[in-house]
Amino acid sequence: KVFRQKVFQILFSENRYSCKEKKIFIELFPNVNRAFSVLRMYERNYFNYMLGRMESHIVLDVILDYLNNKYPEMFASQIYDNVVATDDIKTVSRVMTEKLTEFVGVTPTLKTENF
């Protein structure tokens, strides 16, 4: 819970806000911080909107588009911030990892569930 609070402070606080964690983030990810800073300068709510649009783009337009074209027999769709598929969770996880890594530049940790 504390980690999540720190991440939200780093991402959503005003540009002038500073803390130890934000300084570390800036050192590790200067380009990401620069891009986020520009978005936050425009309008604070715009940053939140753009993050949502980026997430939507990568999931709908990149990952699901790829899965539905490459594996037309597989049902793959989005429910909120989840990708739901009928079979082959390993393929879905592999594709998501590849596409998210290409888009973000960092390999994500994914959580899978069978239901």
N, C-alpha and C. Protein backbone atom coordinates (compact mmCIF):
# COMPACT_ATOMS: atom_id res chain seq x y z
N LYS A 1 0.83 -1.19 0.00
CA LYS A 1 0.00 0.00 0.00
C LYS A 1 0.88 1.26 0.00
N VAL A 2 1.96 1.25 0.77
CA VAL A 2 2.86 2.39 0.82
C VAL A 2 3.53 2.59 -0.53
N PHE A 3 3.92 1.47 -1.16
CA PHE A 3 4.55 1.56 -2.48
C PHE A 3 3.61 2.22 -3.48
N ARG A 4 2.36 1.78 -3.48
CA ARG A 4 1.38 2.36 -4.40
C ARG A 4 1.23 3.86 -4.16
N GLN A 5 1.19 4.28 -2.91
CA GLN A 5 1.07 5.70 -2.58
C GLN A 5 2.27 6.48 -3.14
N LYS A 6 3.46 5.93 -3.01
CA LYS A 6 4.67 6.60 -3.51
C LYS A 6 4.63 6.70 -5.03
N VAL A 7 4.20 5.64 -5.69
CA VAL A 7 4.11 5.67 -7.15
C VAL A 7 3.12 6.74 -7.59
N PHE A 8 1.98 6.83 -6.92
CA PHE A 8 0.99 7.84 -7.26
C PHE A 8 1.53 9.25 -7.02
N GLN A 9 2.31 9.42 -5.95
CA GLN A 9 2.93 10.73 -5.70
C GLN A 9 3.88 11.09 -6.84
N ILE A 10 4.68 10.13 -7.27
CA ILE A 10 5.65 10.38 -8.34
C ILE A 10 4.92 10.73 -9.64
N LEU A 11 3.91 9.97 -9.97
CA LEU A 11 3.24 10.16 -11.26
C LEU A 11 2.27 11.33 -11.29
N PHE A 12 1.55 11.56 -10.21
CA PHE A 12 0.44 12.50 -10.27
C PHE A 12 0.64 13.79 -9.49
N SER A 13 1.75 13.93 -8.80
CA SER A 13 1.98 15.18 -8.08
C SER A 13 2.41 16.28 -9.05
N GLU A 14 2.26 17.49 -8.62
CA GLU A 14 2.68 18.63 -9.46
C GLU A 14 4.17 18.54 -9.72
N ASN A 15 4.60 19.15 -10.81
CA ASN A 15 6.01 19.09 -11.20
C ASN A 15 6.94 19.62 -10.12
N ARG A 16 6.52 20.61 -9.39
CA ARG A 16 7.40 21.20 -8.38
C ARG A 16 7.52 20.35 -7.12
N TYR A 17 6.64 19.35 -6.95
CA TYR A 17 6.70 18.47 -5.78
C TYR A 17 7.96 17.62 -5.85
N SER A 18 8.65 17.48 -4.73
CA SER A 18 9.87 16.69 -4.70
C SER A 18 9.91 15.82 -3.45
N CYS A 19 10.41 14.63 -3.61
CA CYS A 19 10.64 13.72 -2.50
C CYS A 19 11.77 12.79 -2.93
N LYS A 20 12.29 12.03 -2.01
CA LYS A 20 13.42 11.14 -2.29
C LYS A 20 13.08 10.18 -3.43
N GLU A 21 11.89 9.60 -3.38
CA GLU A 21 11.49 8.62 -4.40
C GLU A 21 11.38 9.26 -5.79
N LYS A 22 10.87 10.48 -5.83
CA LYS A 22 10.74 11.16 -7.12
C LYS A 22 12.11 11.48 -7.70
N LYS A 23 13.07 11.85 -6.86
CA LYS A 23 14.43 12.11 -7.33
C LYS A 23 15.06 10.85 -7.91
N ILE A 24 14.82 9.71 -7.27
CA ILE A 24 15.33 8.43 -7.78
C ILE A 24 14.67 8.11 -9.12
N PHE A 25 13.37 8.31 -9.21
CA PHE A 25 12.65 8.07 -10.46
C PHE A 25 13.22 8.93 -11.58
N ILE A 26 13.49 10.18 -11.29
CA ILE A 26 14.04 11.10 -12.30
C ILE A 26 15.42 10.63 -12.75
N GLU A 27 16.24 10.15 -11.82
CA GLU A 27 17.56 9.65 -12.18
C GLU A 27 17.48 8.40 -13.05
N LEU A 28 16.55 7.50 -12.71
CA LEU A 28 16.43 6.24 -13.44
C LEU A 28 15.69 6.38 -14.77
N PHE A 29 14.72 7.27 -14.82
CA PHE A 29 13.86 7.40 -16.01
C PHE A 29 13.72 8.86 -16.42
N PRO A 30 14.81 9.52 -16.81
CA PRO A 30 14.72 10.95 -17.11
C PRO A 30 13.80 11.27 -18.29
N ASN A 31 13.79 10.42 -19.30
CA ASN A 31 12.94 10.69 -20.47
C ASN A 31 11.46 10.51 -20.14
N VAL A 32 11.15 9.49 -19.37
CA VAL A 32 9.77 9.27 -18.95
C VAL A 32 9.31 10.44 -18.09
N ASN A 33 10.16 10.86 -17.16
CA ASN A 33 9.80 11.99 -16.30
C ASN A 33 9.59 13.26 -17.11
N ARG A 34 10.44 13.48 -18.11
CA ARG A 34 10.30 14.67 -18.95
C ARG A 34 8.96 14.65 -19.68
N ALA A 35 8.61 13.50 -20.24
CA ALA A 35 7.33 13.38 -20.96
C ALA A 35 6.16 13.60 -20.00
N PHE A 36 6.21 12.99 -18.82
CA PHE A 36 5.15 13.17 -17.84
C PHE A 36 5.05 14.62 -17.39
N SER A 37 6.18 15.26 -17.23
CA SER A 37 6.20 16.67 -16.79
C SER A 37 5.52 17.56 -17.81
N VAL A 38 5.78 17.31 -19.09
CA VAL A 38 5.15 18.11 -20.15
C VAL A 38 3.64 17.91 -20.11
N LEU A 39 3.20 16.67 -19.97
CA LEU A 39 1.76 16.40 -19.91
C LEU A 39 1.12 17.06 -18.70
N ARG A 40 1.81 17.02 -17.56
CA ARG A 40 1.26 17.64 -16.34
C ARG A 40 1.23 19.16 -16.45
N MET A 41 2.13 19.75 -17.21
CA MET A 41 2.16 21.21 -17.36
C MET A 41 0.93 21.71 -18.10
N TYR A 42 0.45 20.94 -19.07
CA TYR A 42 -0.68 21.36 -19.89
C TYR A 42 -1.92 21.56 -19.02
N GLU A 43 -2.29 20.52 -18.33
CA GLU A 43 -3.42 20.56 -17.41
C GLU A 43 -3.34 19.29 -16.60
N ARG A 44 -3.52 19.40 -15.32
CA ARG A 44 -3.32 18.24 -14.45
C ARG A 44 -4.20 17.06 -14.85
N ASN A 45 -5.46 17.28 -15.15
CA ASN A 45 -6.35 16.19 -15.54
C ASN A 45 -6.00 15.61 -16.90
N TYR A 46 -5.35 16.41 -17.73
CA TYR A 46 -4.95 15.95 -19.06
C TYR A 46 -3.95 14.79 -18.94
N PHE A 47 -3.06 14.85 -17.96
CA PHE A 47 -2.08 13.79 -17.74
C PHE A 47 -2.80 12.47 -17.47
N ASN A 48 -3.78 12.48 -16.57
CA ASN A 48 -4.55 11.27 -16.27
C ASN A 48 -5.26 10.76 -17.52
N TYR A 49 -5.84 11.67 -18.27
CA TYR A 49 -6.54 11.31 -19.50
C TYR A 49 -5.57 10.66 -20.50
N MET A 50 -4.39 11.24 -20.66
CA MET A 50 -3.42 10.71 -21.62
C MET A 50 -2.89 9.34 -21.19
N LEU A 51 -2.69 9.13 -19.89
CA LEU A 51 -2.26 7.80 -19.43
C LEU A 51 -3.33 6.76 -19.77
N GLY A 52 -4.57 7.10 -19.57
CA GLY A 52 -5.67 6.20 -19.92
C GLY A 52 -5.72 5.92 -21.40
N ARG A 53 -5.50 6.96 -22.21
CA ARG A 53 -5.50 6.79 -23.67
C ARG A 53 -4.33 5.90 -24.12
N MET A 54 -3.16 6.08 -23.49
CA MET A 54 -2.01 5.23 -23.83
C MET A 54 -2.29 3.78 -23.48
N GLU A 55 -2.86 3.56 -22.29
CA GLU A 55 -3.19 2.19 -21.89
C GLU A 55 -4.20 1.59 -22.86
N SER A 56 -5.22 2.35 -23.19
CA SER A 56 -6.23 1.88 -24.12
C SER A 56 -5.61 1.55 -25.48
N HIS A 57 -4.74 2.40 -25.96
CA HIS A 57 -4.09 2.18 -27.25
C HIS A 57 -3.28 0.89 -27.25
N ILE A 58 -2.42 0.71 -26.25
CA ILE A 58 -1.56 -0.48 -26.24
C ILE A 58 -2.38 -1.75 -26.09
N VAL A 59 -3.44 -1.72 -25.28
CA VAL A 59 -4.23 -2.94 -25.08
C VAL A 59 -5.13 -3.20 -26.28
N LEU A 60 -5.93 -2.21 -26.68
CA LEU A 60 -6.90 -2.42 -27.76
C LEU A 60 -6.27 -2.43 -29.15
N ASP A 61 -5.49 -1.41 -29.45
CA ASP A 61 -5.00 -1.22 -30.81
C ASP A 61 -3.74 -2.03 -31.13
N VAL A 62 -3.01 -2.43 -30.11
CA VAL A 62 -1.78 -3.17 -30.36
C VAL A 62 -1.93 -4.63 -29.96
N ILE A 63 -2.15 -4.89 -28.68
CA ILE A 63 -2.17 -6.28 -28.19
C ILE A 63 -3.37 -7.06 -28.72
N LEU A 64 -4.58 -6.54 -28.50
CA LEU A 64 -5.76 -7.28 -28.94
C LEU A 64 -5.86 -7.36 -30.45
N ASP A 65 -5.47 -6.30 -31.13
CA ASP A 65 -5.46 -6.32 -32.60
C ASP A 65 -4.52 -7.42 -33.10
N TYR A 66 -3.34 -7.50 -32.51
CA TYR A 66 -2.37 -8.52 -32.89
C TYR A 66 -2.93 -9.93 -32.62
N LEU A 67 -3.45 -10.13 -31.40
CA LEU A 67 -3.98 -11.45 -31.05
C LEU A 67 -5.13 -11.85 -31.97
N ASN A 68 -6.05 -10.93 -32.22
CA ASN A 68 -7.21 -11.26 -33.05
C ASN A 68 -6.85 -11.50 -34.51
N ASN A 69 -5.81 -10.85 -35.01
CA ASN A 69 -5.37 -11.08 -36.39
C ASN A 69 -4.49 -12.32 -36.52
N LYS A 70 -3.59 -12.52 -35.59
CA LYS A 70 -2.65 -13.65 -35.65
C LYS A 70 -3.32 -14.96 -35.23
N TYR A 71 -4.26 -14.89 -34.31
CA TYR A 71 -4.95 -16.07 -33.78
C TYR A 71 -6.46 -15.87 -33.88
N PRO A 72 -7.01 -15.90 -35.09
CA PRO A 72 -8.45 -15.59 -35.25
C PRO A 72 -9.38 -16.58 -34.56
N GLU A 73 -8.89 -17.79 -34.29
CA GLU A 73 -9.73 -18.78 -33.61
C GLU A 73 -9.83 -18.53 -32.11
N MET A 74 -8.96 -17.67 -31.59
CA MET A 74 -8.94 -17.36 -30.16
C MET A 74 -9.83 -16.16 -29.87
N PHE A 75 -10.65 -16.26 -28.83
CA PHE A 75 -11.39 -15.10 -28.37
C PHE A 75 -10.49 -14.31 -27.42
N ALA A 76 -10.27 -13.05 -27.72
CA ALA A 76 -9.49 -12.18 -26.85
C ALA A 76 -10.17 -10.82 -26.81
N SER A 77 -10.40 -10.32 -25.61
CA SER A 77 -11.09 -9.05 -25.45
C SER A 77 -10.58 -8.37 -24.18
N GLN A 78 -11.03 -7.13 -23.99
CA GLN A 78 -10.63 -6.37 -22.80
C GLN A 78 -11.84 -6.17 -21.90
N ILE A 79 -11.62 -6.39 -20.61
CA ILE A 79 -12.60 -6.05 -19.59
C ILE A 79 -11.86 -5.18 -18.59
N TYR A 80 -12.22 -3.90 -18.57
CA TYR A 80 -11.54 -2.90 -17.75
C TYR A 80 -10.05 -2.92 -18.07
N ASP A 81 -9.18 -3.20 -17.10
CA ASP A 81 -7.75 -3.21 -17.39
C ASP A 81 -7.20 -4.62 -17.51
N ASN A 82 -8.07 -5.55 -17.91
CA ASN A 82 -7.68 -6.95 -18.07
C ASN A 82 -7.87 -7.39 -19.51
N VAL A 83 -7.02 -8.31 -19.94
CA VAL A 83 -7.22 -8.98 -21.21
C VAL A 83 -7.77 -10.35 -20.90
N VAL A 84 -8.89 -10.70 -21.53
CA VAL A 84 -9.55 -11.97 -21.30
C VAL A 84 -9.46 -12.77 -22.59
N ALA A 85 -9.05 -14.02 -22.46
CA ALA A 85 -8.93 -14.90 -23.64
C ALA A 85 -9.47 -16.27 -23.30
N THR A 86 -9.94 -16.98 -24.32
CA THR A 86 -10.55 -18.28 -24.09
C THR A 86 -9.53 -19.40 -23.97
N ASP A 87 -8.40 -19.29 -24.64
CA ASP A 87 -7.41 -20.35 -24.53
C ASP A 87 -5.99 -19.81 -24.62
N ASP A 88 -5.08 -20.71 -24.40
CA ASP A 88 -3.64 -20.47 -24.58
C ASP A 88 -3.14 -19.23 -23.85
N ILE A 89 -3.22 -19.30 -22.54
CA ILE A 89 -2.79 -18.18 -21.71
C ILE A 89 -1.31 -17.87 -21.89
N LYS A 90 -0.52 -18.90 -22.24
CA LYS A 90 0.91 -18.69 -22.45
C LYS A 90 1.15 -17.79 -23.67
N THR A 91 0.39 -18.00 -24.71
CA THR A 91 0.53 -17.16 -25.91
C THR A 91 0.11 -15.73 -25.61
N VAL A 92 -1.01 -15.57 -24.91
CA VAL A 92 -1.48 -14.24 -24.56
C VAL A 92 -0.45 -13.53 -23.69
N SER A 93 0.08 -14.22 -22.70
CA SER A 93 1.11 -13.63 -21.82
C SER A 93 2.36 -13.25 -22.59
N ARG A 94 2.79 -14.13 -23.50
CA ARG A 94 3.98 -13.85 -24.30
C ARG A 94 3.78 -12.61 -25.17
N VAL A 95 2.64 -12.55 -25.84
CA VAL A 95 2.35 -11.41 -26.72
C VAL A 95 2.25 -10.12 -25.90
N MET A 96 1.56 -10.18 -24.77
CA MET A 96 1.43 -8.99 -23.94
C MET A 96 2.80 -8.52 -23.45
N THR A 97 3.63 -9.46 -23.01
CA THR A 97 4.97 -9.10 -22.53
C THR A 97 5.78 -8.46 -23.64
N GLU A 98 5.76 -9.07 -24.84
CA GLU A 98 6.52 -8.52 -25.97
C GLU A 98 6.04 -7.12 -26.35
N LYS A 99 4.74 -6.96 -26.51
CA LYS A 99 4.19 -5.68 -26.96
C LYS A 99 4.35 -4.59 -25.90
N LEU A 100 4.12 -4.93 -24.64
CA LEU A 100 4.30 -3.93 -23.58
C LEU A 100 5.76 -3.53 -23.44
N THR A 101 6.67 -4.49 -23.58
CA THR A 101 8.10 -4.17 -23.52
C THR A 101 8.50 -3.26 -24.66
N GLU A 102 7.99 -3.53 -25.87
CA GLU A 102 8.27 -2.65 -27.03
C GLU A 102 7.74 -1.24 -26.78
N PHE A 103 6.55 -1.15 -26.24
CA PHE A 103 5.88 0.13 -26.06
C PHE A 103 6.46 0.95 -24.92
N VAL A 104 6.72 0.28 -23.78
CA VAL A 104 7.14 0.99 -22.58
C VAL A 104 8.66 1.00 -22.43
N GLY A 105 9.32 -0.04 -22.91
CA GLY A 105 10.77 -0.13 -22.79
C GLY A 105 11.22 -0.88 -21.55
N VAL A 106 10.28 -1.42 -20.79
CA VAL A 106 10.58 -2.19 -19.59
C VAL A 106 9.70 -3.44 -19.63
N THR A 107 10.28 -4.59 -19.28
CA THR A 107 9.52 -5.82 -19.26
C THR A 107 8.56 -5.82 -18.08
N PRO A 108 7.26 -6.00 -18.35
CA PRO A 108 6.28 -5.96 -17.25
C PRO A 108 6.22 -7.29 -16.51
N THR A 109 5.66 -7.25 -15.33
CA THR A 109 5.31 -8.45 -14.59
C THR A 109 3.81 -8.61 -14.73
N LEU A 110 3.39 -9.72 -15.30
CA LEU A 110 1.97 -9.95 -15.53
C LEU A 110 1.43 -10.96 -14.53
N LYS A 111 0.18 -10.81 -14.19
CA LYS A 111 -0.51 -11.74 -13.32
C LYS A 111 -1.58 -12.44 -14.15
N THR A 112 -1.59 -13.76 -14.16
CA THR A 112 -2.59 -14.50 -14.91
C THR A 112 -3.51 -15.24 -13.95
N GLU A 113 -4.74 -15.40 -14.38
CA GLU A 113 -5.73 -16.14 -13.61
C GLU A 113 -6.56 -16.98 -14.55
N ASN A 114 -6.84 -18.19 -14.15
CA ASN A 114 -7.78 -19.03 -14.88
C ASN A 114 -9.13 -18.95 -14.19
N PHE A 115 -10.16 -18.75 -14.99
CA PHE A 115 -11.49 -18.75 -14.39
C PHE A 115 -12.50 -19.29 -15.36
